[in-house]
Amino acid sequence: MTIESPKVTVAKSQEEVFNFLTDVKNFEKLMPSNLNKFELINDKRFLFALSGMPEIVLELKSTEPNNKIILGAASDKLPFTLTSNLNEVDANTTGAQLIFEGQFNPMMGMMIKGPITNFIGTLAENLSKL
């Protein structure tokens, strides 16, 4: 299952957006308003919970300087990645898109598609407001 956020524009340089997203504690600033819990575990891992959803631990898996950040689920129960693709529009503007990719059975996929689509859309929208 692949879900893409709308492409957004961020009024910051590509390097600034990359540095913001690779500092995982900053994801708290991007979370939806129904965030129940956010806990920094270490400099590469954080836990969050949204209303009506289980707690999820995300960790920084890999980066491609100034272009791509890949976060992944720390648990094998729900294997997925959340990739941030960044591209320079100009020196002070960055284009960004979030891509969720996960391996789920069809029933689970149907249940989570709506909430995940809303979640990454909110993350992208909040990123555009930086």
N, C-alpha and C. Protein backbone atom coordinates (compact mmCIF):
# COMPACT_ATOMS: atom_id res chain seq x y z
N MET A 1 0.84 -1.17 0.00
CA MET A 1 0.00 0.00 0.00
C MET A 1 0.89 1.23 0.00
N THR A 2 0.64 2.12 -0.93
CA THR A 2 1.37 3.38 -1.01
C THR A 2 0.36 4.52 -0.97
N ILE A 3 0.61 5.48 -0.09
CA ILE A 3 -0.25 6.66 0.02
C ILE A 3 0.66 7.88 -0.04
N GLU A 4 0.34 8.80 -0.93
CA GLU A 4 1.13 10.01 -1.09
C GLU A 4 0.36 11.22 -0.58
N SER A 5 1.08 12.09 0.14
CA SER A 5 0.47 13.35 0.57
C SER A 5 0.42 14.29 -0.63
N PRO A 6 -0.39 15.33 -0.54
CA PRO A 6 -0.29 16.38 -1.56
C PRO A 6 1.11 16.99 -1.50
N LYS A 7 1.60 17.47 -2.62
CA LYS A 7 2.88 18.18 -2.63
C LYS A 7 2.65 19.55 -2.02
N VAL A 8 3.56 19.96 -1.13
CA VAL A 8 3.43 21.25 -0.47
C VAL A 8 4.69 22.07 -0.70
N THR A 9 4.56 23.36 -0.49
CA THR A 9 5.68 24.27 -0.61
C THR A 9 6.00 24.82 0.77
N VAL A 10 7.28 24.79 1.12
CA VAL A 10 7.75 25.27 2.42
C VAL A 10 8.64 26.49 2.17
N ALA A 11 8.36 27.57 2.88
CA ALA A 11 9.11 28.81 2.70
C ALA A 11 10.43 28.78 3.49
N LYS A 12 11.21 27.76 3.23
CA LYS A 12 12.54 27.60 3.85
C LYS A 12 13.43 26.90 2.83
N SER A 13 14.73 27.05 3.00
CA SER A 13 15.65 26.39 2.08
C SER A 13 15.55 24.88 2.23
N GLN A 14 15.97 24.18 1.22
CA GLN A 14 15.93 22.71 1.24
C GLN A 14 16.75 22.17 2.41
N GLU A 15 17.90 22.79 2.67
CA GLU A 15 18.74 22.34 3.78
C GLU A 15 18.05 22.56 5.12
N GLU A 16 17.37 23.70 5.29
CA GLU A 16 16.65 23.96 6.54
C GLU A 16 15.54 22.94 6.78
N VAL A 17 14.78 22.62 5.73
CA VAL A 17 13.70 21.64 5.86
C VAL A 17 14.27 20.27 6.18
N PHE A 18 15.35 19.89 5.49
CA PHE A 18 16.01 18.61 5.75
C PHE A 18 16.48 18.53 7.21
N ASN A 19 17.14 19.58 7.69
CA ASN A 19 17.63 19.58 9.07
C ASN A 19 16.48 19.51 10.07
N PHE A 20 15.38 20.19 9.77
CA PHE A 20 14.20 20.16 10.64
C PHE A 20 13.66 18.73 10.74
N LEU A 21 13.52 18.06 9.60
CA LEU A 21 12.92 16.72 9.59
C LEU A 21 13.85 15.63 10.11
N THR A 22 15.15 15.84 10.04
CA THR A 22 16.07 14.81 10.56
C THR A 22 16.23 14.93 12.08
N ASP A 23 15.75 16.02 12.66
CA ASP A 23 15.71 16.15 14.12
C ASP A 23 14.32 15.66 14.54
N VAL A 24 14.23 14.37 14.90
CA VAL A 24 12.92 13.73 15.05
C VAL A 24 12.01 14.38 16.09
N LYS A 25 12.57 15.11 17.06
CA LYS A 25 11.69 15.76 18.04
C LYS A 25 10.79 16.80 17.37
N ASN A 26 11.19 17.30 16.20
CA ASN A 26 10.39 18.30 15.49
C ASN A 26 9.09 17.73 14.93
N PHE A 27 8.97 16.41 14.84
CA PHE A 27 7.73 15.83 14.34
C PHE A 27 6.55 16.15 15.26
N GLU A 28 6.82 16.44 16.51
CA GLU A 28 5.73 16.82 17.41
C GLU A 28 5.03 18.07 16.89
N LYS A 29 5.79 18.99 16.27
CA LYS A 29 5.22 20.24 15.74
C LYS A 29 4.36 19.99 14.50
N LEU A 30 4.53 18.84 13.87
CA LEU A 30 3.78 18.54 12.65
C LEU A 30 2.55 17.68 12.89
N MET A 31 2.43 17.14 14.09
CA MET A 31 1.36 16.18 14.40
C MET A 31 -0.02 16.83 14.36
N PRO A 32 -1.04 16.02 14.07
CA PRO A 32 -2.42 16.52 14.08
C PRO A 32 -2.87 16.93 15.48
N SER A 33 -3.97 17.65 15.53
CA SER A 33 -4.47 18.14 16.82
C SER A 33 -4.96 17.01 17.73
N ASN A 34 -5.24 15.82 17.17
CA ASN A 34 -5.71 14.72 18.02
C ASN A 34 -4.54 13.88 18.57
N LEU A 35 -3.38 14.50 18.68
CA LEU A 35 -2.22 13.84 19.28
C LEU A 35 -2.46 13.65 20.77
N ASN A 36 -2.38 12.41 21.25
CA ASN A 36 -2.56 12.11 22.67
C ASN A 36 -1.24 12.00 23.40
N LYS A 37 -0.19 11.59 22.68
CA LYS A 37 1.08 11.33 23.33
C LYS A 37 2.21 11.51 22.32
N PHE A 38 3.28 12.14 22.75
CA PHE A 38 4.50 12.24 21.96
C PHE A 38 5.66 12.12 22.92
N GLU A 39 6.54 11.19 22.65
CA GLU A 39 7.66 10.93 23.56
C GLU A 39 8.92 10.69 22.75
N LEU A 40 9.94 11.49 23.01
CA LEU A 40 11.23 11.31 22.35
C LEU A 40 11.95 10.17 23.07
N ILE A 41 12.32 9.12 22.34
CA ILE A 41 13.00 7.97 22.94
C ILE A 41 14.50 8.18 22.89
N ASN A 42 15.01 8.59 21.73
CA ASN A 42 16.41 9.00 21.58
C ASN A 42 16.49 9.92 20.37
N ASP A 43 17.69 10.24 19.92
CA ASP A 43 17.81 11.22 18.84
C ASP A 43 17.39 10.68 17.47
N LYS A 44 17.04 9.40 17.39
CA LYS A 44 16.59 8.83 16.12
C LYS A 44 15.22 8.15 16.23
N ARG A 45 14.60 8.21 17.39
CA ARG A 45 13.37 7.43 17.61
C ARG A 45 12.39 8.21 18.48
N PHE A 46 11.10 8.14 18.10
CA PHE A 46 10.05 8.75 18.92
C PHE A 46 8.80 7.89 18.89
N LEU A 47 7.99 8.07 19.91
CA LEU A 47 6.71 7.36 20.05
C LEU A 47 5.61 8.40 19.97
N PHE A 48 4.52 8.04 19.28
CA PHE A 48 3.36 8.94 19.28
C PHE A 48 2.09 8.11 19.28
N ALA A 49 1.01 8.74 19.74
CA ALA A 49 -0.30 8.11 19.73
C ALA A 49 -1.33 9.17 19.39
N LEU A 50 -2.21 8.82 18.48
CA LEU A 50 -3.33 9.67 18.11
C LEU A 50 -4.59 9.08 18.71
N SER A 51 -5.61 9.90 18.90
CA SER A 51 -6.88 9.41 19.45
C SER A 51 -7.38 8.23 18.64
N GLY A 52 -7.73 7.16 19.33
CA GLY A 52 -8.29 5.99 18.69
C GLY A 52 -7.31 5.11 17.94
N MET A 53 -6.02 5.41 18.05
CA MET A 53 -5.00 4.62 17.34
C MET A 53 -4.00 4.08 18.37
N PRO A 54 -3.36 2.96 18.06
CA PRO A 54 -2.34 2.44 18.98
C PRO A 54 -1.08 3.32 18.95
N GLU A 55 -0.24 3.17 19.97
CA GLU A 55 1.04 3.89 19.99
C GLU A 55 1.92 3.33 18.88
N ILE A 56 2.64 4.24 18.22
CA ILE A 56 3.53 3.86 17.14
C ILE A 56 4.91 4.44 17.44
N VAL A 57 5.94 3.63 17.27
CA VAL A 57 7.31 4.10 17.42
C VAL A 57 7.90 4.21 16.02
N LEU A 58 8.37 5.42 15.70
CA LEU A 58 9.04 5.66 14.42
C LEU A 58 10.50 5.93 14.68
N GLU A 59 11.35 5.45 13.77
CA GLU A 59 12.78 5.73 13.90
C GLU A 59 13.34 6.17 12.56
N LEU A 60 14.36 7.00 12.65
CA LEU A 60 15.06 7.47 11.47
C LEU A 60 15.85 6.31 10.89
N LYS A 61 15.49 5.88 9.66
CA LYS A 61 16.12 4.72 9.04
C LYS A 61 17.28 5.13 8.15
N SER A 62 17.06 6.15 7.31
CA SER A 62 18.13 6.60 6.42
C SER A 62 17.84 8.00 5.91
N THR A 63 18.89 8.62 5.40
CA THR A 63 18.75 9.96 4.83
C THR A 63 19.60 10.05 3.56
N GLU A 64 19.18 10.94 2.70
CA GLU A 64 19.95 11.33 1.53
C GLU A 64 20.03 12.85 1.66
N PRO A 65 21.21 13.37 2.08
CA PRO A 65 21.31 14.78 2.46
C PRO A 65 20.54 15.75 1.56
N ASN A 66 19.69 16.51 2.25
CA ASN A 66 18.86 17.58 1.70
C ASN A 66 17.77 17.10 0.72
N ASN A 67 17.68 15.79 0.43
CA ASN A 67 16.69 15.31 -0.53
C ASN A 67 15.66 14.36 0.03
N LYS A 68 16.07 13.47 0.94
CA LYS A 68 15.16 12.40 1.35
C LYS A 68 15.44 12.00 2.79
N ILE A 69 14.36 11.78 3.54
CA ILE A 69 14.43 11.26 4.91
C ILE A 69 13.46 10.08 4.96
N ILE A 70 13.95 8.94 5.46
CA ILE A 70 13.08 7.78 5.59
C ILE A 70 12.96 7.40 7.05
N LEU A 71 11.72 7.46 7.55
CA LEU A 71 11.39 6.99 8.88
C LEU A 71 10.68 5.66 8.72
N GLY A 72 10.89 4.77 9.67
CA GLY A 72 10.23 3.48 9.60
C GLY A 72 9.69 3.06 10.94
N ALA A 73 8.71 2.17 10.92
CA ALA A 73 8.16 1.63 12.15
C ALA A 73 9.23 0.81 12.85
N ALA A 74 9.34 0.99 14.16
CA ALA A 74 10.32 0.24 14.93
C ALA A 74 9.84 -1.17 15.21
N SER A 75 8.56 -1.42 15.02
CA SER A 75 7.97 -2.73 15.27
C SER A 75 7.69 -3.45 13.96
N ASP A 76 7.84 -4.77 13.98
CA ASP A 76 7.53 -5.56 12.80
C ASP A 76 6.03 -5.87 12.69
N LYS A 77 5.24 -5.50 13.71
CA LYS A 77 3.81 -5.77 13.68
C LYS A 77 3.12 -5.01 12.56
N LEU A 78 3.49 -3.75 12.39
CA LEU A 78 2.95 -2.91 11.32
C LEU A 78 4.13 -2.37 10.52
N PRO A 79 4.67 -3.15 9.58
CA PRO A 79 5.86 -2.70 8.86
C PRO A 79 5.51 -1.62 7.82
N PHE A 80 6.08 -0.43 8.01
CA PHE A 80 5.85 0.64 7.04
C PHE A 80 6.99 1.64 7.10
N THR A 81 7.07 2.46 6.06
CA THR A 81 8.02 3.57 6.05
C THR A 81 7.25 4.84 5.72
N LEU A 82 7.80 5.95 6.18
CA LEU A 82 7.29 7.28 5.86
C LEU A 82 8.48 8.05 5.28
N THR A 83 8.41 8.33 3.99
CA THR A 83 9.51 8.99 3.29
C THR A 83 9.14 10.44 3.02
N SER A 84 10.08 11.33 3.32
CA SER A 84 9.93 12.75 2.99
C SER A 84 10.83 13.04 1.80
N ASN A 85 10.23 13.41 0.68
CA ASN A 85 11.00 13.79 -0.51
C ASN A 85 11.02 15.31 -0.61
N LEU A 86 12.21 15.87 -0.71
CA LEU A 86 12.38 17.32 -0.75
C LEU A 86 13.04 17.71 -2.07
N ASN A 87 12.58 18.81 -2.65
CA ASN A 87 13.24 19.34 -3.84
C ASN A 87 13.27 20.86 -3.77
N GLU A 88 14.38 21.40 -4.23
CA GLU A 88 14.56 22.85 -4.17
C GLU A 88 13.74 23.53 -5.27
N VAL A 89 12.93 24.50 -4.85
CA VAL A 89 12.20 25.32 -5.80
C VAL A 89 13.08 26.51 -6.14
N ASP A 90 13.57 27.18 -5.09
CA ASP A 90 14.59 28.22 -5.23
C ASP A 90 15.35 28.27 -3.91
N ALA A 91 16.23 29.22 -3.73
CA ALA A 91 17.11 29.25 -2.56
C ALA A 91 16.35 29.27 -1.23
N ASN A 92 15.14 29.82 -1.22
CA ASN A 92 14.38 29.95 0.02
C ASN A 92 13.04 29.21 -0.01
N THR A 93 12.87 28.30 -0.94
CA THR A 93 11.60 27.59 -1.07
C THR A 93 11.89 26.12 -1.40
N THR A 94 11.16 25.25 -0.72
CA THR A 94 11.33 23.81 -0.91
C THR A 94 9.99 23.16 -1.21
N GLY A 95 10.00 22.26 -2.15
CA GLY A 95 8.83 21.42 -2.40
C GLY A 95 8.98 20.16 -1.57
N ALA A 96 7.89 19.70 -0.98
CA ALA A 96 7.96 18.50 -0.12
C ALA A 96 6.75 17.62 -0.36
N GLN A 97 6.99 16.32 -0.26
CA GLN A 97 5.90 15.34 -0.34
C GLN A 97 6.24 14.18 0.57
N LEU A 98 5.23 13.70 1.29
CA LEU A 98 5.39 12.54 2.18
C LEU A 98 4.77 11.32 1.51
N ILE A 99 5.46 10.20 1.62
CA ILE A 99 4.98 8.96 1.02
C ILE A 99 5.00 7.86 2.08
N PHE A 100 3.83 7.29 2.32
CA PHE A 100 3.67 6.18 3.26
C PHE A 100 3.65 4.90 2.45
N GLU A 101 4.49 3.93 2.84
CA GLU A 101 4.48 2.63 2.18
C GLU A 101 4.46 1.54 3.24
N GLY A 102 3.52 0.62 3.11
CA GLY A 102 3.41 -0.45 4.09
C GLY A 102 2.90 -1.73 3.47
N GLN A 103 3.20 -2.83 4.13
CA GLN A 103 2.75 -4.15 3.69
C GLN A 103 1.65 -4.61 4.65
N PHE A 104 0.41 -4.58 4.19
CA PHE A 104 -0.71 -4.94 5.04
C PHE A 104 -1.63 -5.89 4.29
N ASN A 105 -2.33 -6.74 5.05
CA ASN A 105 -3.32 -7.57 4.39
C ASN A 105 -4.48 -6.67 3.93
N PRO A 106 -5.28 -7.13 2.98
CA PRO A 106 -6.34 -6.27 2.41
C PRO A 106 -7.30 -5.71 3.45
N MET A 107 -7.66 -6.52 4.45
CA MET A 107 -8.59 -6.04 5.49
C MET A 107 -7.97 -4.89 6.28
N MET A 108 -6.73 -5.07 6.72
CA MET A 108 -6.04 -4.02 7.46
C MET A 108 -5.87 -2.79 6.57
N GLY A 109 -5.54 -3.00 5.32
CA GLY A 109 -5.38 -1.89 4.39
C GLY A 109 -6.62 -1.04 4.28
N MET A 110 -7.78 -1.69 4.18
CA MET A 110 -9.04 -0.95 4.10
C MET A 110 -9.29 -0.14 5.37
N MET A 111 -8.94 -0.72 6.51
CA MET A 111 -9.20 -0.05 7.79
C MET A 111 -8.31 1.16 8.00
N ILE A 112 -7.06 1.10 7.55
CA ILE A 112 -6.13 2.18 7.87
C ILE A 112 -5.95 3.21 6.75
N LYS A 113 -6.44 2.92 5.55
CA LYS A 113 -6.19 3.83 4.44
C LYS A 113 -6.68 5.25 4.72
N GLY A 114 -7.91 5.39 5.19
CA GLY A 114 -8.46 6.72 5.48
C GLY A 114 -7.68 7.47 6.55
N PRO A 115 -7.50 6.85 7.73
CA PRO A 115 -6.75 7.54 8.79
C PRO A 115 -5.31 7.88 8.39
N ILE A 116 -4.63 6.99 7.66
CA ILE A 116 -3.25 7.26 7.25
C ILE A 116 -3.20 8.38 6.22
N THR A 117 -4.15 8.38 5.29
CA THR A 117 -4.22 9.45 4.29
C THR A 117 -4.41 10.80 4.99
N ASN A 118 -5.31 10.86 5.97
CA ASN A 118 -5.52 12.10 6.72
C ASN A 118 -4.28 12.49 7.51
N PHE A 119 -3.64 11.50 8.12
CA PHE A 119 -2.46 11.74 8.94
C PHE A 119 -1.32 12.35 8.12
N ILE A 120 -0.95 11.72 7.00
CA ILE A 120 0.18 12.27 6.24
C ILE A 120 -0.20 13.58 5.56
N GLY A 121 -1.48 13.75 5.23
CA GLY A 121 -1.93 15.04 4.70
C GLY A 121 -1.75 16.15 5.71
N THR A 122 -2.09 15.86 6.97
CA THR A 122 -1.91 16.85 8.05
C THR A 122 -0.44 17.14 8.28
N LEU A 123 0.41 16.10 8.29
CA LEU A 123 1.85 16.33 8.46
C LEU A 123 2.37 17.26 7.36
N ALA A 124 1.98 16.99 6.11
CA ALA A 124 2.43 17.81 4.99
C ALA A 124 1.91 19.24 5.10
N GLU A 125 0.64 19.38 5.45
CA GLU A 125 0.05 20.72 5.60
C GLU A 125 0.78 21.50 6.69
N ASN A 126 1.04 20.86 7.83
CA ASN A 126 1.74 21.54 8.91
C ASN A 126 3.18 21.86 8.53
N LEU A 127 3.81 21.01 7.73
CA LEU A 127 5.16 21.29 7.25
C LEU A 127 5.16 22.55 6.38
N SER A 128 4.13 22.72 5.58
CA SER A 128 4.06 23.89 4.70
C SER A 128 3.91 25.19 5.49
N LYS A 129 3.51 25.11 6.75
CA LYS A 129 3.30 26.31 7.58
C LYS A 129 4.54 26.72 8.37
N LEU A 130 5.63 25.98 8.22
CA LEU A 130 6.85 26.31 8.99
C LEU A 130 7.35 27.70 8.66
